[in-house]
Each structure stands twice: as C-alpha cells, then as structure tokens.
PDB file of all heavy atoms in Angstrom:
ATOM      1  N   ARG A   1    -129.365 -83.876   3.540  1.00  0.00           N
ATOM      2  CA  ARG A   1    -128.178 -84.755   3.803  1.00  0.00           C
ATOM      3  C   ARG A   1    -127.138 -84.019   4.585  1.00  0.00           C
ATOM      4  O   ARG A   1    -126.569 -84.649   5.521  1.00  0.00           O
ATOM      5  CB  ARG A   1    -127.651 -85.208   2.442  1.00  0.00           C
ATOM      6  CG  ARG A   1    -126.597 -86.222   2.559  1.00  0.00           C
ATOM      7  CD  ARG A   1    -125.153 -85.705   2.678  1.00  0.00           C
ATOM      8  NE  ARG A   1    -124.758 -85.176   1.430  1.00  0.00           N
ATOM      9  CZ  ARG A   1    -123.642 -84.365   1.288  1.00  0.00           C
ATOM     10  NH1 ARG A   1    -122.960 -83.968   2.356  1.00  0.00           N
ATOM     11  NH2 ARG A   1    -123.371 -83.869   0.094  1.00  0.00           N
ATOM     12  N   LYS A   2    -126.829 -82.783   4.268  1.00  0.00           N
ATOM     13  CA  LYS A   2    -125.786 -82.029   4.941  1.00  0.00           C
ATOM     14  C   LYS A   2    -126.179 -81.861   6.404  1.00  0.00           C
ATOM     15  O   LYS A   2    -125.332 -81.877   7.308  1.00  0.00           O
ATOM     16  CB  LYS A   2    -125.498 -80.789   4.253  1.00  0.00           C
ATOM     17  CG  LYS A   2    -124.971 -80.883   2.846  1.00  0.00           C
ATOM     18  CD  LYS A   2    -124.485 -79.572   2.212  1.00  0.00           C
ATOM     19  CE  LYS A   2    -123.223 -79.040   2.827  1.00  0.00           C
ATOM     20  NZ  LYS A   2    -122.629 -77.910   2.129  1.00  0.00           N
ATOM     21  N   LEU A   3    -127.491 -81.614   6.680  1.00  0.00           N
ATOM     22  CA  LEU A   3    -127.947 -81.367   8.018  1.00  0.00           C
ATOM     23  C   LEU A   3    -127.853 -82.514   8.928  1.00  0.00           C
ATOM     24  O   LEU A   3    -127.344 -82.467  10.011  1.00  0.00           O
ATOM     25  CB  LEU A   3    -129.356 -80.825   7.949  1.00  0.00           C
ATOM     26  CG  LEU A   3    -129.560 -79.358   7.436  1.00  0.00           C
ATOM     27  CD1 LEU A   3    -131.008 -79.052   7.162  1.00  0.00           C
ATOM     28  CD2 LEU A   3    -128.930 -78.337   8.331  1.00  0.00           C
ATOM     29  N   VAL A   4    -128.339 -83.751   8.413  1.00  0.00           N
ATOM     30  CA  VAL A   4    -128.221 -84.943   9.259  1.00  0.00           C
ATOM     31  C   VAL A   4    -126.800 -85.358   9.398  1.00  0.00           C
ATOM     32  O   VAL A   4    -126.419 -85.932  10.458  1.00  0.00           O
ATOM     33  CB  VAL A   4    -129.100 -86.123   8.654  1.00  0.00           C
ATOM     34  CG1 VAL A   4    -130.548 -85.689   8.677  1.00  0.00           C
ATOM     35  CG2 VAL A   4    -128.651 -86.537   7.308  1.00  0.00           C
ATOM     36  N   GLU A   5    -125.957 -85.072   8.369  1.00  0.00           N
ATOM     37  CA  GLU A   5    -124.528 -85.418   8.472  1.00  0.00           C
ATOM     38  C   GLU A   5    -123.889 -84.574   9.527  1.00  0.00           C
ATOM     39  O   GLU A   5    -122.921 -84.928  10.179  1.00  0.00           O
ATOM     40  CB  GLU A   5    -123.885 -85.167   7.119  1.00  0.00           C
ATOM     41  CG  GLU A   5    -122.409 -85.724   7.019  1.00  0.00           C
ATOM     42  CD  GLU A   5    -121.896 -85.518   5.597  1.00  0.00           C
ATOM     43  OE1 GLU A   5    -122.284 -84.540   4.915  1.00  0.00           O
ATOM     44  OE2 GLU A   5    -121.157 -86.377   5.219  1.00  0.00           O
ATOM     45  N   SER A   6    -124.464 -83.367   9.780  1.00  0.00           N
ATOM     46  CA  SER A   6    -123.909 -82.409  10.789  1.00  0.00           C
ATOM     47  C   SER A   6    -124.547 -82.606  12.241  1.00  0.00           C
ATOM     48  O   SER A   6    -124.286 -81.841  13.088  1.00  0.00           O
ATOM     49  CB  SER A   6    -124.069 -80.996  10.307  1.00  0.00           C
ATOM     50  OG  SER A   6    -123.479 -80.710   9.079  1.00  0.00           O
ATOM     51  N   GLY A   7    -125.441 -83.647  12.294  1.00  0.00           N
ATOM     52  CA  GLY A   7    -125.920 -83.985  13.629  1.00  0.00           C
ATOM     53  C   GLY A   7    -127.369 -83.476  13.935  1.00  0.00           C
ATOM     54  O   GLY A   7    -127.850 -83.622  15.012  1.00  0.00           O
ATOM     55  N   VAL A   8    -128.109 -82.922  12.918  1.00  0.00           N
ATOM     56  CA  VAL A   8    -129.468 -82.542  13.069  1.00  0.00           C
ATOM     57  C   VAL A   8    -130.331 -83.791  13.250  1.00  0.00           C
ATOM     58  O   VAL A   8    -130.161 -84.753  12.424  1.00  0.00           O
ATOM     59  CB  VAL A   8    -130.000 -81.642  11.932  1.00  0.00           C
ATOM     60  CG1 VAL A   8    -131.465 -81.384  12.064  1.00  0.00           C
ATOM     61  CG2 VAL A   8    -129.210 -80.314  11.903  1.00  0.00           C
ATOM     62  N   ARG A   9    -131.233 -83.810  14.173  1.00  0.00           N
ATOM     63  CA  ARG A   9    -131.936 -85.032  14.516  1.00  0.00           C
ATOM     64  C   ARG A   9    -133.123 -85.284  13.470  1.00  0.00           C
ATOM     65  O   ARG A   9    -133.316 -86.463  13.068  1.00  0.00           O
ATOM     66  CB  ARG A   9    -132.601 -84.825  15.906  1.00  0.00           C
ATOM     67  CG  ARG A   9    -133.447 -86.046  16.431  1.00  0.00           C
ATOM     68  CD  ARG A   9    -132.445 -87.214  16.680  1.00  0.00           C
ATOM     69  NE  ARG A   9    -131.627 -86.944  17.827  1.00  0.00           N
ATOM     70  CZ  ARG A   9    -130.680 -87.751  18.283  1.00  0.00           C
ATOM     71  NH1 ARG A   9    -130.409 -88.837  17.592  1.00  0.00           N
ATOM     72  NH2 ARG A   9    -129.955 -87.414  19.337  1.00  0.00           N
ATOM     73  N   PHE A  10    -133.862 -84.189  13.059  1.00  0.00           N
ATOM     74  CA  PHE A  10    -135.048 -84.464  12.285  1.00  0.00           C
ATOM     75  C   PHE A  10    -135.158 -83.368  11.202  1.00  0.00           C
ATOM     76  O   PHE A  10    -135.207 -82.191  11.569  1.00  0.00           O
ATOM     77  CB  PHE A  10    -136.312 -84.429  13.165  1.00  0.00           C
ATOM     78  CG  PHE A  10    -137.557 -85.139  12.562  1.00  0.00           C
ATOM     79  CD1 PHE A  10    -137.870 -86.361  12.788  1.00  0.00           C
ATOM     80  CD2 PHE A  10    -138.405 -84.367  11.724  1.00  0.00           C
ATOM     81  CE1 PHE A  10    -139.020 -86.977  12.277  1.00  0.00           C
ATOM     82  CE2 PHE A  10    -139.509 -84.893  11.169  1.00  0.00           C
ATOM     83  CZ  PHE A  10    -139.826 -86.213  11.447  1.00  0.00           C
ATOM     84  N   VAL A  11    -135.288 -83.759  10.015  1.00  0.00           N
ATOM     85  CA  VAL A  11    -135.460 -82.856   8.806  1.00  0.00           C
ATOM     86  C   VAL A  11    -136.688 -83.250   8.113  1.00  0.00           C
ATOM     87  O   VAL A  11    -136.836 -84.369   7.706  1.00  0.00           O
ATOM     88  CB  VAL A  11    -134.172 -82.813   7.953  1.00  0.00           C
ATOM     89  CG1 VAL A  11    -134.405 -81.851   6.766  1.00  0.00           C
ATOM     90  CG2 VAL A  11    -132.947 -82.556   8.698  1.00  0.00           C
ATOM     91  N   GLN A  12    -137.536 -82.275   7.842  1.00  0.00           N
ATOM     92  CA  GLN A  12    -138.739 -82.521   7.061  1.00  0.00           C
ATOM     93  C   GLN A  12    -138.756 -81.661   5.742  1.00  0.00           C
ATOM     94  O   GLN A  12    -138.515 -80.493   5.874  1.00  0.00           O
ATOM     95  CB  GLN A  12    -139.982 -82.302   7.908  1.00  0.00           C
ATOM     96  CG  GLN A  12    -141.253 -82.714   7.207  1.00  0.00           C
ATOM     97  CD  GLN A  12    -142.510 -82.633   8.013  1.00  0.00           C
ATOM     98  OE1 GLN A  12    -142.646 -81.739   8.847  1.00  0.00           O
ATOM     99  NE2 GLN A  12    -143.382 -83.623   8.006  1.00  0.00           N
ATOM    100  N   ILE A  13    -139.027 -82.301   4.652  1.00  0.00           N
ATOM    101  CA  ILE A  13    -139.099 -81.625   3.365  1.00  0.00           C
ATOM    102  C   ILE A  13    -140.467 -81.772   2.777  1.00  0.00           C
ATOM    103  O   ILE A  13    -141.075 -82.815   2.797  1.00  0.00           O
ATOM    104  CB  ILE A  13    -138.102 -82.253   2.395  1.00  0.00           C
ATOM    105  CG1 ILE A  13    -136.719 -82.326   2.932  1.00  0.00           C
ATOM    106  CG2 ILE A  13    -138.054 -81.344   1.074  1.00  0.00           C
ATOM    107  CD1 ILE A  13    -135.626 -82.954   2.038  1.00  0.00           C
ATOM    108  N   TYR A  14    -141.013 -80.597   2.263  1.00  0.00           N
ATOM    109  CA  TYR A  14    -142.424 -80.585   1.749  1.00  0.00           C
ATOM    110  C   TYR A  14    -142.308 -80.461   0.177  1.00  0.00           C
ATOM    111  O   TYR A  14    -141.475 -79.740  -0.332  1.00  0.00           O
ATOM    112  CB  TYR A  14    -143.210 -79.446   2.269  1.00  0.00           C
ATOM    113  CG  TYR A  14    -143.731 -79.722   3.624  1.00  0.00           C
ATOM    114  CD1 TYR A  14    -142.919 -79.450   4.815  1.00  0.00           C
ATOM    115  CD2 TYR A  14    -144.977 -80.198   3.829  1.00  0.00           C
ATOM    116  CE1 TYR A  14    -143.406 -79.749   6.059  1.00  0.00           C
ATOM    117  CE2 TYR A  14    -145.555 -80.469   5.101  1.00  0.00           C
ATOM    118  CZ  TYR A  14    -144.710 -80.264   6.181  1.00  0.00           C
ATOM    119  OH  TYR A  14    -145.162 -80.470   7.451  1.00  0.00           O
ATOM    120  N   ALA A  15    -143.192 -81.147  -0.473  1.00  0.00           N
ATOM    121  CA  ALA A  15    -143.448 -81.095  -1.929  1.00  0.00           C
ATOM    122  C   ALA A  15    -144.880 -81.150  -2.210  1.00  0.00           C
ATOM    123  O   ALA A  15    -145.502 -82.200  -2.009  1.00  0.00           O
ATOM    124  CB  ALA A  15    -142.637 -82.140  -2.659  1.00  0.00           C
ATOM    125  N   ALA A  16    -145.469 -80.043  -2.652  1.00  0.00           N
ATOM    126  CA  ALA A  16    -146.901 -79.989  -2.788  1.00  0.00           C
ATOM    127  C   ALA A  16    -147.275 -80.274  -4.301  1.00  0.00           C
ATOM    128  O   ALA A  16    -146.423 -80.593  -5.119  1.00  0.00           O
ATOM    129  CB  ALA A  16    -147.443 -78.563  -2.404  1.00  0.00           C
ATOM    130  N   GLY A  17    -148.586 -80.149  -4.567  1.00  0.00           N
ATOM    131  CA  GLY A  17    -149.017 -80.312  -5.935  1.00  0.00           C
ATOM    132  C   GLY A  17    -149.569 -81.619  -6.371  1.00  0.00           C
ATOM    133  O   GLY A  17    -149.788 -81.958  -7.479  1.00  0.00           O
ATOM    134  N   TRP A  18    -149.824 -82.514  -5.373  1.00  0.00           N
ATOM    135  CA  TRP A  18    -150.255 -83.915  -5.658  1.00  0.00           C
ATOM    136  C   TRP A  18    -151.793 -83.992  -5.669  1.00  0.00           C
ATOM    137  O   TRP A  18    -152.309 -85.093  -5.842  1.00  0.00           O
ATOM    138  CB  TRP A  18    -149.711 -84.839  -4.612  1.00  0.00           C
ATOM    139  CG  TRP A  18    -148.174 -84.962  -4.701  1.00  0.00           C
ATOM    140  CD1 TRP A  18    -147.249 -84.170  -4.006  1.00  0.00           C
ATOM    141  CD2 TRP A  18    -147.495 -85.904  -5.443  1.00  0.00           C
ATOM    142  NE1 TRP A  18    -145.990 -84.624  -4.311  1.00  0.00           N
ATOM    143  CE2 TRP A  18    -146.059 -85.667  -5.213  1.00  0.00           C
ATOM    144  CE3 TRP A  18    -147.787 -86.946  -6.341  1.00  0.00           C
ATOM    145  CZ2 TRP A  18    -145.015 -86.421  -5.841  1.00  0.00           C
ATOM    146  CZ3 TRP A  18    -146.792 -87.660  -6.981  1.00  0.00           C
ATOM    147  CH2 TRP A  18    -145.392 -87.360  -6.652  1.00  0.00           C
ATOM    148  N   ASP A  19    -152.496 -82.948  -5.483  1.00  0.00           N
ATOM    149  CA  ASP A  19    -153.995 -82.992  -5.414  1.00  0.00           C
ATOM    150  C   ASP A  19    -154.599 -82.980  -6.821  1.00  0.00           C
ATOM    151  O   ASP A  19    -155.118 -81.924  -7.202  1.00  0.00           O
ATOM    152  CB  ASP A  19    -154.493 -81.765  -4.545  1.00  0.00           C
ATOM    153  CG  ASP A  19    -155.939 -81.875  -4.168  1.00  0.00           C
ATOM    154  OD1 ASP A  19    -156.430 -83.004  -4.138  1.00  0.00           O
ATOM    155  OD2 ASP A  19    -156.490 -80.875  -3.860  1.00  0.00           O
ATOM    156  N   SER A  20    -154.641 -84.123  -7.409  1.00  0.00           N
ATOM    157  CA  SER A  20    -155.008 -84.215  -8.804  1.00  0.00           C
ATOM    158  C   SER A  20    -156.364 -84.677  -9.025  1.00  0.00           C
ATOM    159  O   SER A  20    -156.719 -85.903  -9.396  1.00  0.00           O
ATOM    160  CB  SER A  20    -153.989 -85.192  -9.573  1.00  0.00           C
ATOM    161  OG  SER A  20    -152.718 -84.704  -9.409  1.00  0.00           O
ATOM    162  N   HIS A  21    -157.417 -83.789  -8.892  1.00  0.00           N
ATOM    163  CA  HIS A  21    -158.751 -84.077  -9.154  1.00  0.00           C
ATOM    164  C   HIS A  21    -159.016 -84.072 -10.709  1.00  0.00           C
ATOM    165  O   HIS A  21    -159.877 -84.751 -11.222  1.00  0.00           O
ATOM    166  CB  HIS A  21    -159.708 -83.096  -8.537  1.00  0.00           C
ATOM    167  CG  HIS A  21    -159.719 -83.193  -7.046  1.00  0.00           C
ATOM    168  ND1 HIS A  21    -160.466 -84.105  -6.388  1.00  0.00           N
ATOM    169  CD2 HIS A  21    -159.040 -82.470  -6.117  1.00  0.00           C
ATOM    170  CE1 HIS A  21    -160.313 -83.904  -5.074  1.00  0.00           C
ATOM    171  NE2 HIS A  21    -159.432 -82.996  -4.844  1.00  0.00           N
ATOM    172  N   ASP A  22    -158.215 -83.291 -11.406  1.00  0.00           N
ATOM    173  CA  ASP A  22    -158.272 -83.184 -12.826  1.00  0.00           C
ATOM    174  C   ASP A  22    -156.877 -83.321 -13.386  1.00  0.00           C
ATOM    175  O   ASP A  22    -155.883 -83.134 -12.698  1.00  0.00           O
ATOM    176  CB  ASP A  22    -158.810 -81.808 -13.275  1.00  0.00           C
ATOM    177  CG  ASP A  22    -160.213 -81.564 -12.619  1.00  0.00           C
ATOM    178  OD1 ASP A  22    -161.164 -82.118 -13.281  1.00  0.00           O
ATOM    179  OD2 ASP A  22    -160.228 -80.899 -11.663  1.00  0.00           O
ATOM    180  N   PHE A  23    -156.742 -83.611 -14.719  1.00  0.00           N
ATOM    181  CA  PHE A  23    -155.475 -83.613 -15.453  1.00  0.00           C
ATOM    182  C   PHE A  23    -154.426 -84.493 -14.653  1.00  0.00           C
ATOM    183  O   PHE A  23    -153.320 -84.046 -14.455  1.00  0.00           O
ATOM    184  CB  PHE A  23    -154.969 -82.180 -15.616  1.00  0.00           C
ATOM    185  CG  PHE A  23    -155.985 -81.245 -16.185  1.00  0.00           C
ATOM    186  CD1 PHE A  23    -156.529 -80.292 -15.403  1.00  0.00           C
ATOM    187  CD2 PHE A  23    -156.404 -81.390 -17.414  1.00  0.00           C
ATOM    188  CE1 PHE A  23    -157.480 -79.393 -15.902  1.00  0.00           C
ATOM    189  CE2 PHE A  23    -157.403 -80.589 -18.038  1.00  0.00           C
ATOM    190  CZ  PHE A  23    -157.957 -79.604 -17.239  1.00  0.00           C
ATOM    191  N   LEU A  24    -154.837 -85.623 -14.233  1.00  0.00           N
ATOM    192  CA  LEU A  24    -153.958 -86.603 -13.450  1.00  0.00           C
ATOM    193  C   LEU A  24    -152.673 -86.845 -14.151  1.00  0.00           C
ATOM    194  O   LEU A  24    -151.601 -86.819 -13.598  1.00  0.00           O
ATOM    195  CB  LEU A  24    -154.786 -87.899 -13.194  1.00  0.00           C
ATOM    196  CG  LEU A  24    -154.040 -88.997 -12.553  1.00  0.00           C
ATOM    197  CD1 LEU A  24    -153.594 -88.618 -11.100  1.00  0.00           C
ATOM    198  CD2 LEU A  24    -154.807 -90.285 -12.589  1.00  0.00           C
ATOM    199  N   GLU A  25    -152.742 -87.155 -15.448  1.00  0.00           N
ATOM    200  CA  GLU A  25    -151.551 -87.534 -16.256  1.00  0.00           C
ATOM    201  C   GLU A  25    -150.586 -86.433 -16.268  1.00  0.00           C
ATOM    202  O   GLU A  25    -149.384 -86.651 -16.009  1.00  0.00           O
ATOM    203  CB  GLU A  25    -151.927 -87.918 -17.629  1.00  0.00           C
ATOM    204  CG  GLU A  25    -150.749 -88.350 -18.468  1.00  0.00           C
ATOM    205  CD  GLU A  25    -151.140 -88.903 -19.868  1.00  0.00           C
ATOM    206  OE1 GLU A  25    -152.312 -88.733 -20.213  1.00  0.00           O
ATOM    207  OE2 GLU A  25    -150.292 -89.437 -20.513  1.00  0.00           O
ATOM    208  N   ARG A  26    -151.015 -85.236 -16.474  1.00  0.00           N
ATOM    209  CA  ARG A  26    -150.082 -84.097 -16.535  1.00  0.00           C
ATOM    210  C   ARG A  26    -149.531 -83.775 -15.170  1.00  0.00           C
ATOM    211  O   ARG A  26    -148.306 -83.588 -14.985  1.00  0.00           O
ATOM    212  CB  ARG A  26    -150.759 -82.865 -17.160  1.00  0.00           C
ATOM    213  CG  ARG A  26    -149.852 -81.661 -17.351  1.00  0.00           C
ATOM    214  CD  ARG A  26    -150.668 -80.559 -18.027  1.00  0.00           C
ATOM    215  NE  ARG A  26    -151.674 -79.949 -17.140  1.00  0.00           N
ATOM    216  CZ  ARG A  26    -152.589 -79.094 -17.543  1.00  0.00           C
ATOM    217  NH1 ARG A  26    -152.608 -78.724 -18.799  1.00  0.00           N
ATOM    218  NH2 ARG A  26    -153.509 -78.616 -16.695  1.00  0.00           N
ATOM    219  N   SER A  27    -150.419 -83.624 -14.208  1.00  0.00           N
ATOM    220  CA  SER A  27    -149.940 -83.164 -12.935  1.00  0.00           C
ATOM    221  C   SER A  27    -149.051 -84.191 -12.123  1.00  0.00           C
ATOM    222  O   SER A  27    -148.008 -83.805 -11.567  1.00  0.00           O
ATOM    223  CB  SER A  27    -151.192 -82.756 -12.038  1.00  0.00           C
ATOM    224  OG  SER A  27    -152.059 -83.804 -11.859  1.00  0.00           O
ATOM    225  N   HIS A  28    -149.455 -85.423 -12.079  1.00  0.00           N
ATOM    226  CA  HIS A  28    -148.741 -86.440 -11.443  1.00  0.00           C
ATOM    227  C   HIS A  28    -147.431 -86.743 -12.141  1.00  0.00           C
ATOM    228  O   HIS A  28    -146.421 -87.002 -11.436  1.00  0.00           O
ATOM    229  CB  HIS A  28    -149.589 -87.682 -11.243  1.00  0.00           C
ATOM    230  CG  HIS A  28    -150.103 -87.860  -9.863  1.00  0.00           C
ATOM    231  ND1 HIS A  28    -150.794 -86.854  -9.205  1.00  0.00           N
ATOM    232  CD2 HIS A  28    -150.076 -88.951  -8.962  1.00  0.00           C
ATOM    233  CE1 HIS A  28    -151.239 -87.318  -8.036  1.00  0.00           C
ATOM    234  NE2 HIS A  28    -150.720 -88.533  -7.798  1.00  0.00           N
ATOM    235  N   LYS A  29    -147.484 -86.669 -13.467  1.00  0.00           N
ATOM    236  CA  LYS A  29    -146.138 -86.838 -14.133  1.00  0.00           C
ATOM    237  C   LYS A  29    -145.133 -85.711 -13.739  1.00  0.00           C
ATOM    238  O   LYS A  29    -144.039 -86.026 -13.453  1.00  0.00           O
ATOM    239  CB  LYS A  29    -146.400 -86.735 -15.701  1.00  0.00           C
ATOM    240  CG  LYS A  29    -145.115 -86.797 -16.473  1.00  0.00           C
ATOM    241  CD  LYS A  29    -145.396 -86.697 -17.964  1.00  0.00           C
ATOM    242  CE  LYS A  29    -144.145 -86.687 -18.842  1.00  0.00           C
ATOM    243  NZ  LYS A  29    -144.490 -86.539 -20.297  1.00  0.00           N
ATOM    244  N   ALA A  30    -145.581 -84.505 -13.684  1.00  0.00           N
ATOM    245  CA  ALA A  30    -144.742 -83.375 -13.336  1.00  0.00           C
ATOM    246  C   ALA A  30    -144.224 -83.557 -11.843  1.00  0.00           C
ATOM    247  O   ALA A  30    -143.066 -83.251 -11.589  1.00  0.00           O
ATOM    248  CB  ALA A  30    -145.521 -82.099 -13.487  1.00  0.00           C
ATOM    249  N   ARG A  31    -145.095 -83.963 -10.962  1.00  0.00           N
ATOM    250  CA  ARG A  31    -144.647 -84.117  -9.547  1.00  0.00           C
ATOM    251  C   ARG A  31    -143.716 -85.251  -9.432  1.00  0.00           C
ATOM    252  O   ARG A  31    -142.708 -85.077  -8.692  1.00  0.00           O
ATOM    253  CB  ARG A  31    -145.966 -84.463  -8.719  1.00  0.00           C
ATOM    254  CG  ARG A  31    -146.942 -83.290  -8.465  1.00  0.00           C
ATOM    255  CD  ARG A  31    -146.259 -82.151  -7.648  1.00  0.00           C
ATOM    256  NE  ARG A  31    -145.463 -81.331  -8.426  1.00  0.00           N
ATOM    257  CZ  ARG A  31    -144.377 -80.670  -7.992  1.00  0.00           C
ATOM    258  NH1 ARG A  31    -143.971 -80.769  -6.758  1.00  0.00           N
ATOM    259  NH2 ARG A  31    -143.730 -79.867  -8.774  1.00  0.00           N
ATOM    260  N   MET A  32    -143.899 -86.403 -10.117  1.00  0.00           N
ATOM    261  CA  MET A  32    -142.904 -87.451 -10.019  1.00  0.00           C
ATOM    262  C   MET A  32    -141.621 -87.074 -10.583  1.00  0.00           C
ATOM    263  O   MET A  32    -140.516 -87.331 -10.069  1.00  0.00           O
ATOM    264  CB  MET A  32    -143.455 -88.711 -10.726  1.00  0.00           C
ATOM    265  CG  MET A  32    -144.591 -89.438  -9.923  1.00  0.00           C
ATOM    266  SD  MET A  32    -145.079 -90.971 -10.646  1.00  0.00           S
ATOM    267  CE  MET A  32    -146.408 -90.464 -11.727  1.00  0.00           C
ATOM    268  N   GLN A  33    -141.619 -86.280 -11.708  1.00  0.00           N
ATOM    269  CA  GLN A  33    -140.350 -85.988 -12.345  1.00  0.00           C
ATOM    270  C   GLN A  33    -139.574 -84.900 -11.478  1.00  0.00           C
ATOM    271  O   GLN A  33    -138.372 -84.899 -11.537  1.00  0.00           O
ATOM    272  CB  GLN A  33    -140.563 -85.406 -13.747  1.00  0.00           C
ATOM    273  CG  GLN A  33    -141.065 -86.605 -14.745  1.00  0.00           C
ATOM    274  CD  GLN A  33    -141.348 -85.979 -16.099  1.00  0.00           C
ATOM    275  OE1 GLN A  33    -141.632 -84.821 -16.243  1.00  0.00           O
ATOM    276  NE2 GLN A  33    -141.288 -86.851 -17.112  1.00  0.00           N
ATOM    277  N   ALA A  34    -140.287 -84.157 -10.701  1.00  0.00           N
ATOM    278  CA  ALA A  34    -139.696 -83.155  -9.859  1.00  0.00           C
ATOM    279  C   ALA A  34    -139.002 -83.762  -8.672  1.00  0.00           C
ATOM    280  O   ALA A  34    -137.966 -83.255  -8.179  1.00  0.00           O
ATOM    281  CB  ALA A  34    -140.686 -82.139  -9.363  1.00  0.00           C
ATOM    282  N   VAL A  35    -139.466 -84.887  -8.131  1.00  0.00           N
ATOM    283  CA  VAL A  35    -138.885 -85.467  -6.940  1.00  0.00           C
ATOM    284  C   VAL A  35    -138.050 -86.686  -7.182  1.00  0.00           C
ATOM    285  O   VAL A  35    -137.271 -87.135  -6.303  1.00  0.00           O
ATOM    286  CB  VAL A  35    -139.977 -85.779  -5.896  1.00  0.00           C
ATOM    287  CG1 VAL A  35    -140.768 -84.539  -5.566  1.00  0.00           C
ATOM    288  CG2 VAL A  35    -140.877 -86.910  -6.319  1.00  0.00           C
ATOM    289  N   ASP A  36    -138.250 -87.350  -8.350  1.00  0.00           N
ATOM    290  CA  ASP A  36    -137.625 -88.656  -8.610  1.00  0.00           C
ATOM    291  C   ASP A  36    -136.088 -88.612  -8.479  1.00  0.00           C
ATOM    292  O   ASP A  36    -135.506 -89.361  -7.678  1.00  0.00           O
ATOM    293  CB  ASP A  36    -138.052 -89.080 -10.019  1.00  0.00           C
ATOM    294  CG  ASP A  36    -137.324 -90.370 -10.492  1.00  0.00           C
ATOM    295  OD1 ASP A  36    -137.172 -91.316  -9.630  1.00  0.00           O
ATOM    296  OD2 ASP A  36    -136.974 -90.500 -11.728  1.00  0.00           O
ATOM    297  N   GLN A  37    -135.443 -87.819  -9.273  1.00  0.00           N
ATOM    298  CA  GLN A  37    -134.017 -87.754  -9.208  1.00  0.00           C
ATOM    299  C   GLN A  37    -133.442 -87.278  -7.906  1.00  0.00           C
ATOM    300  O   GLN A  37    -132.514 -87.929  -7.379  1.00  0.00           O
ATOM    301  CB  GLN A  37    -133.522 -86.841 -10.390  1.00  0.00           C
ATOM    302  CG  GLN A  37    -131.960 -86.747 -10.483  1.00  0.00           C
ATOM    303  CD  GLN A  37    -131.481 -85.857 -11.652  1.00  0.00           C
ATOM    304  OE1 GLN A  37    -132.268 -85.583 -12.547  1.00  0.00           O
ATOM    305  NE2 GLN A  37    -130.254 -85.481 -11.594  1.00  0.00           N
ATOM    306  N   PRO A  38    -133.974 -86.218  -7.297  1.00  0.00           N
ATOM    307  CA  PRO A  38    -133.438 -85.796  -5.985  1.00  0.00           C
ATOM    308  C   PRO A  38    -133.572 -86.859  -4.871  1.00  0.00           C
ATOM    309  O   PRO A  38    -132.621 -87.017  -4.081  1.00  0.00           O
ATOM    310  CB  PRO A  38    -134.210 -84.508  -5.664  1.00  0.00           C
ATOM    311  CG  PRO A  38    -134.669 -83.993  -6.959  1.00  0.00           C
ATOM    312  CD  PRO A  38    -134.915 -85.191  -7.792  1.00  0.00           C
ATOM    313  N   ILE A  39    -134.701 -87.545  -4.870  1.00  0.00           N
ATOM    314  CA  ILE A  39    -134.870 -88.598  -3.844  1.00  0.00           C
ATOM    315  C   ILE A  39    -133.881 -89.774  -4.033  1.00  0.00           C
ATOM    316  O   ILE A  39    -133.298 -90.248  -3.084  1.00  0.00           O
ATOM    317  CB  ILE A  39    -136.306 -89.107  -3.746  1.00  0.00           C
ATOM    318  CG1 ILE A  39    -137.207 -87.932  -3.309  1.00  0.00           C
ATOM    319  CG2 ILE A  39    -136.414 -90.300  -2.817  1.00  0.00           C
ATOM    320  CD1 ILE A  39    -138.759 -88.357  -3.298  1.00  0.00           C
ATOM    321  N   ALA A  40    -133.783 -90.189  -5.295  1.00  0.00           N
ATOM    322  CA  ALA A  40    -132.818 -91.278  -5.592  1.00  0.00           C
ATOM    323  C   ALA A  40    -131.404 -90.809  -5.189  1.00  0.00           C
ATOM    324  O   ALA A  40    -130.579 -91.642  -4.651  1.00  0.00           O
ATOM    325  CB  ALA A  40    -132.898 -91.623  -7.042  1.00  0.00           C
ATOM    326  N   ALA A  41    -131.071 -89.589  -5.543  1.00  0.00           N
ATOM    327  CA  ALA A  41    -129.745 -89.050  -5.160  1.00  0.00           C
ATOM    328  C   ALA A  41    -129.560 -89.035  -3.645  1.00  0.00           C
ATOM    329  O   ALA A  41    -128.485 -89.417  -3.188  1.00  0.00           O
ATOM    330  CB  ALA A  41    -129.524 -87.628  -5.757  1.00  0.00           C
TER     331      ALA A  41
END
C-alpha cells in the first residue's frame, strides 16, 4: 500500500504453501488464516 501510494506502478506479493495433496484441512486453513486479515486490511 505504501509503495503504490508513493507512485510505484506494479507490486507483486507471494504467499506459498497452497500445494495440498495431503492434510487439506490443516494446510489450507493455515494458509487462509495467514492471508485473510492482511488482504482485507
């Protein structure tokens, strides 16, 4: 947010860990909870 506010054209953010072949409930829950609040903010 601070970068685009300062005039940066393109910002890309990475969040890994979504490759859930096993333990879908645990892994996807953790991934969603990690990004949910920051993205809404």
